Amino acid sequence: MEAKWVRQNKLRIAERCLGIAVIHDSETLFEKWRPTAAKTIKNKFGSSGQVFSTFVDAERWIIEQILAG
């Protein structure tokens, strides 16, 4: 259901979203996702994105996106 909704609304997400921050508190998942996160998020949601290991890092990136946006 969620994947279908994302596909149907990809353009809306891309128009309204400055970026998507994914936080993995698992070091294993973080390291696995880090090399491909930006491309994967862009392909799936149509918006820029990054993966982070801490909320503080994610928040900092989101603020940068807002200020640049």
Protein backbone atom coordinates (compact mmCIF):
# COMPACT_ATOMS: atom_id res chain seq x y z
CA MET A 1 0.00 0.00 0.00
CA GLU A 2 2.72 2.50 0.96
CA ALA A 3 4.82 1.77 -2.13
CA LYS A 4 1.79 2.26 -4.36
CA TRP A 5 1.01 5.59 -2.69
CA VAL A 6 4.62 6.76 -3.10
CA ARG A 7 4.56 5.87 -6.82
CA GLN A 8 1.25 7.67 -7.30
CA ASN A 9 2.45 10.78 -5.46
CA LYS A 10 6.12 10.96 -6.48
CA LEU A 11 5.66 14.24 -8.38
CA ARG A 12 3.84 15.85 -5.44
CA ILE A 13 6.56 14.73 -3.06
CA ALA A 14 9.25 16.13 -5.35
CA GLU A 15 7.43 19.47 -5.67
CA ARG A 16 6.82 19.96 -1.96
CA CYS A 17 9.77 18.30 -0.26
CA LEU A 18 13.18 19.94 0.09
CA GLY A 19 14.79 16.70 1.21
CA ILE A 20 14.31 13.43 3.05
CA ALA A 21 16.53 12.52 5.98
CA VAL A 22 16.63 8.87 6.99
CA ILE A 23 18.09 8.08 10.41
CA HIS A 24 19.47 4.62 11.16
CA ASP A 25 20.62 4.08 14.72
CA SER A 26 22.07 0.75 13.63
CA GLU A 27 25.66 1.21 12.50
CA THR A 28 25.29 -1.81 10.21
CA LEU A 29 22.25 -0.36 8.41
CA PHE A 30 23.81 3.08 8.27
CA GLU A 31 26.98 1.76 6.62
CA LYS A 32 24.93 -0.39 4.23
CA TRP A 33 22.68 2.50 3.15
CA ARG A 34 25.20 5.33 3.11
CA PRO A 35 26.81 4.71 -0.33
CA THR A 36 23.49 4.53 -2.20
CA ALA A 37 21.04 6.50 -0.04
CA ALA A 38 20.97 9.74 -2.04
CA LYS A 39 20.35 7.97 -5.35
CA THR A 40 17.83 5.53 -3.88
CA ILE A 41 15.81 8.27 -2.18
CA LYS A 42 15.86 10.43 -5.33
CA ASN A 43 14.69 7.52 -7.49
CA LYS A 44 11.93 6.45 -5.10
CA PHE A 45 10.59 9.81 -3.91
CA GLY A 46 11.81 12.29 -6.54
CA SER A 47 13.44 14.39 -3.83
CA SER A 48 16.98 14.69 -2.56
CA GLY A 49 17.88 12.70 0.51
CA GLN A 50 20.60 11.38 2.76
CA VAL A 51 21.01 8.79 5.48
CA PHE A 52 22.35 9.73 8.90
CA SER A 53 23.38 7.93 12.05
CA THR A 54 22.17 10.66 14.43
CA PHE A 55 19.22 12.99 14.71
CA VAL A 56 21.57 15.95 15.15
CA ASP A 57 23.30 15.27 11.82
CA ALA A 58 19.96 14.79 10.06
CA GLU A 59 18.58 17.99 11.55
CA ARG A 60 21.67 19.94 10.47
CA TRP A 61 21.27 18.66 6.90
CA ILE A 62 17.55 19.51 6.86
CA ILE A 63 18.28 23.06 8.00
CA GLU A 64 20.88 23.39 5.22
CA GLN A 65 18.26 22.23 2.70
CA ILE A 66 15.75 24.77 3.98
CA LEU A 67 18.24 27.62 3.86
CA ALA A 68 19.39 26.66 0.36
CA GLY A 69 15.89 26.03 -0.87
